Amino acid sequence: FTIEGELTIRDVTETVTFEVTATAVTETTIQGTATATVLRDAYGLNIPEVPNVANVENEVDLIINFVANAS
């Protein structure tokens, strides 16, 4: 399933959609991973290119591993 929300970095807010996989571990606990790809330049994250040094791609993967417990 997907979860959509707003991500703010350096005072710039963009809508982000996370692809989520989750598994029930017990009757009251789930665990999973949420992933999304954002463009760093959309948030004003400009990284200078330096000759002979590996460059950072514009697409950045966000990966969140989570455990959720019912209260």
C-alpha atoms as a PDB file:
ATOM      1  CA  PHE A   1       0.000   0.000   0.000  1.00  0.00           C
ATOM      2  CA  THR A   2       1.013   3.650  -0.185  1.00  0.00           C
ATOM      3  CA  ILE A   3       1.093   6.523   2.275  1.00  0.00           C
ATOM      4  CA  GLU A   4       1.117  10.093   1.014  1.00  0.00           C
ATOM      5  CA  GLY A   5       2.262  13.029   3.077  1.00  0.00           C
ATOM      6  CA  GLU A   6       4.286  16.193   3.073  1.00  0.00           C
ATOM      7  CA  LEU A   7       8.051  16.239   3.566  1.00  0.00           C
ATOM      8  CA  THR A   8       9.748  19.485   4.556  1.00  0.00           C
ATOM      9  CA  ILE A   9      13.483  19.973   4.117  1.00  0.00           C
ATOM     10  CA  ARG A  10      15.113  23.377   4.546  1.00  0.00           C
ATOM     11  CA  ASP A  11      11.748  25.188   4.564  1.00  0.00           C
ATOM     12  CA  VAL A  12      10.639  23.541   1.287  1.00  0.00           C
ATOM     13  CA  THR A  13       7.592  21.261   1.455  1.00  0.00           C
ATOM     14  CA  GLU A  14       6.768  18.687  -1.213  1.00  0.00           C
ATOM     15  CA  THR A  15       4.204  15.880  -1.382  1.00  0.00           C
ATOM     16  CA  VAL A  16       5.851  12.457  -1.103  1.00  0.00           C
ATOM     17  CA  THR A  17       4.316   9.021  -1.623  1.00  0.00           C
ATOM     18  CA  PHE A  18       5.866   6.114   0.274  1.00  0.00           C
ATOM     19  CA  GLU A  19       5.488   2.517  -0.889  1.00  0.00           C
ATOM     20  CA  VAL A  20       4.901   0.480   2.269  1.00  0.00           C
ATOM     21  CA  THR A  21       5.265  -3.198   3.028  1.00  0.00           C
ATOM     22  CA  ALA A  22       4.144  -4.371   6.456  1.00  0.00           C
ATOM     23  CA  THR A  23       3.851  -7.704   8.207  1.00  0.00           C
ATOM     24  CA  ALA A  24       1.940  -8.622  11.351  1.00  0.00           C
ATOM     25  CA  VAL A  25       4.457  -9.924  13.874  1.00  0.00           C
ATOM     26  CA  THR A  26       1.939 -10.475  16.669  1.00  0.00           C
ATOM     27  CA  GLU A  27      -1.684  -9.489  17.245  1.00  0.00           C
ATOM     28  CA  THR A  28      -0.503  -6.074  18.440  1.00  0.00           C
ATOM     29  CA  THR A  29       2.701  -5.466  16.451  1.00  0.00           C
ATOM     30  CA  ILE A  30       3.496  -4.850  12.809  1.00  0.00           C
ATOM     31  CA  GLN A  31       6.842  -4.179  11.200  1.00  0.00           C
ATOM     32  CA  GLY A  32       7.800  -3.076   7.764  1.00  0.00           C
ATOM     33  CA  THR A  33       9.542  -0.722   5.417  1.00  0.00           C
ATOM     34  CA  ALA A  34       8.444   2.494   3.719  1.00  0.00           C
ATOM     35  CA  THR A  35      10.365   3.774   0.687  1.00  0.00           C
ATOM     36  CA  ALA A  36      10.150   6.889  -1.461  1.00  0.00           C
ATOM     37  CA  THR A  37      12.364   8.697  -3.940  1.00  0.00           C
ATOM     38  CA  VAL A  38      12.768  12.467  -3.807  1.00  0.00           C
ATOM     39  CA  LEU A  39      14.702  14.893  -5.961  1.00  0.00           C
ATOM     40  CA  ARG A  40      17.283  16.765  -3.923  1.00  0.00           C
ATOM     41  CA  ASP A  41      17.144  19.825  -6.164  1.00  0.00           C
ATOM     42  CA  ALA A  42      13.396  20.150  -5.440  1.00  0.00           C
ATOM     43  CA  TYR A  43      14.459  20.987  -1.879  1.00  0.00           C
ATOM     44  CA  GLY A  44      17.273  23.329  -2.865  1.00  0.00           C
ATOM     45  CA  LEU A  45      19.947  20.773  -1.945  1.00  0.00           C
ATOM     46  CA  ASN A  46      22.597  21.661  -4.480  1.00  0.00           C
ATOM     47  CA  ILE A  47      25.855  19.771  -4.123  1.00  0.00           C
ATOM     48  CA  PRO A  48      28.816  21.082  -6.098  1.00  0.00           C
ATOM     49  CA  GLU A  49      30.433  18.705  -8.557  1.00  0.00           C
ATOM     50  CA  VAL A  50      34.132  18.158  -7.955  1.00  0.00           C
ATOM     51  CA  PRO A  51      36.318  16.654 -10.697  1.00  0.00           C
ATOM     52  CA  ASN A  52      37.569  13.116  -9.967  1.00  0.00           C
ATOM     53  CA  VAL A  53      35.166  12.738  -7.023  1.00  0.00           C
ATOM     54  CA  ALA A  54      31.998  10.647  -7.015  1.00  0.00           C
ATOM     55  CA  ASN A  55      28.928  12.803  -7.555  1.00  0.00           C
ATOM     56  CA  VAL A  56      25.646  12.592  -5.667  1.00  0.00           C
ATOM     57  CA  GLU A  57      22.640  11.698  -7.818  1.00  0.00           C
ATOM     58  CA  ASN A  58      19.638  14.021  -7.901  1.00  0.00           C
ATOM     59  CA  GLU A  59      17.318  11.136  -6.978  1.00  0.00           C
ATOM     60  CA  VAL A  60      17.615  10.248  -3.292  1.00  0.00           C
ATOM     61  CA  ASP A  61      15.987   7.127  -1.843  1.00  0.00           C
ATOM     62  CA  LEU A  62      14.357   7.453   1.563  1.00  0.00           C
ATOM     63  CA  ILE A  63      14.043   4.137   3.414  1.00  0.00           C
ATOM     64  CA  ILE A  64      12.274   3.873   6.770  1.00  0.00           C
ATOM     65  CA  ASN A  65      12.226   0.613   8.706  1.00  0.00           C
ATOM     66  CA  PHE A  66       9.533   0.649  11.382  1.00  0.00           C
ATOM     67  CA  VAL A  67       7.896  -1.327  14.179  1.00  0.00           C
ATOM     68  CA  ALA A  68       4.417  -0.256  15.322  1.00  0.00           C
ATOM     69  CA  ASN A  69       2.804  -1.459  18.547  1.00  0.00           C
ATOM     70  CA  ALA A  70      -0.879  -1.067  19.423  1.00  0.00           C
ATOM     71  CA  SER A  71      -1.424   0.766  22.673  1.00  0.00           C
END
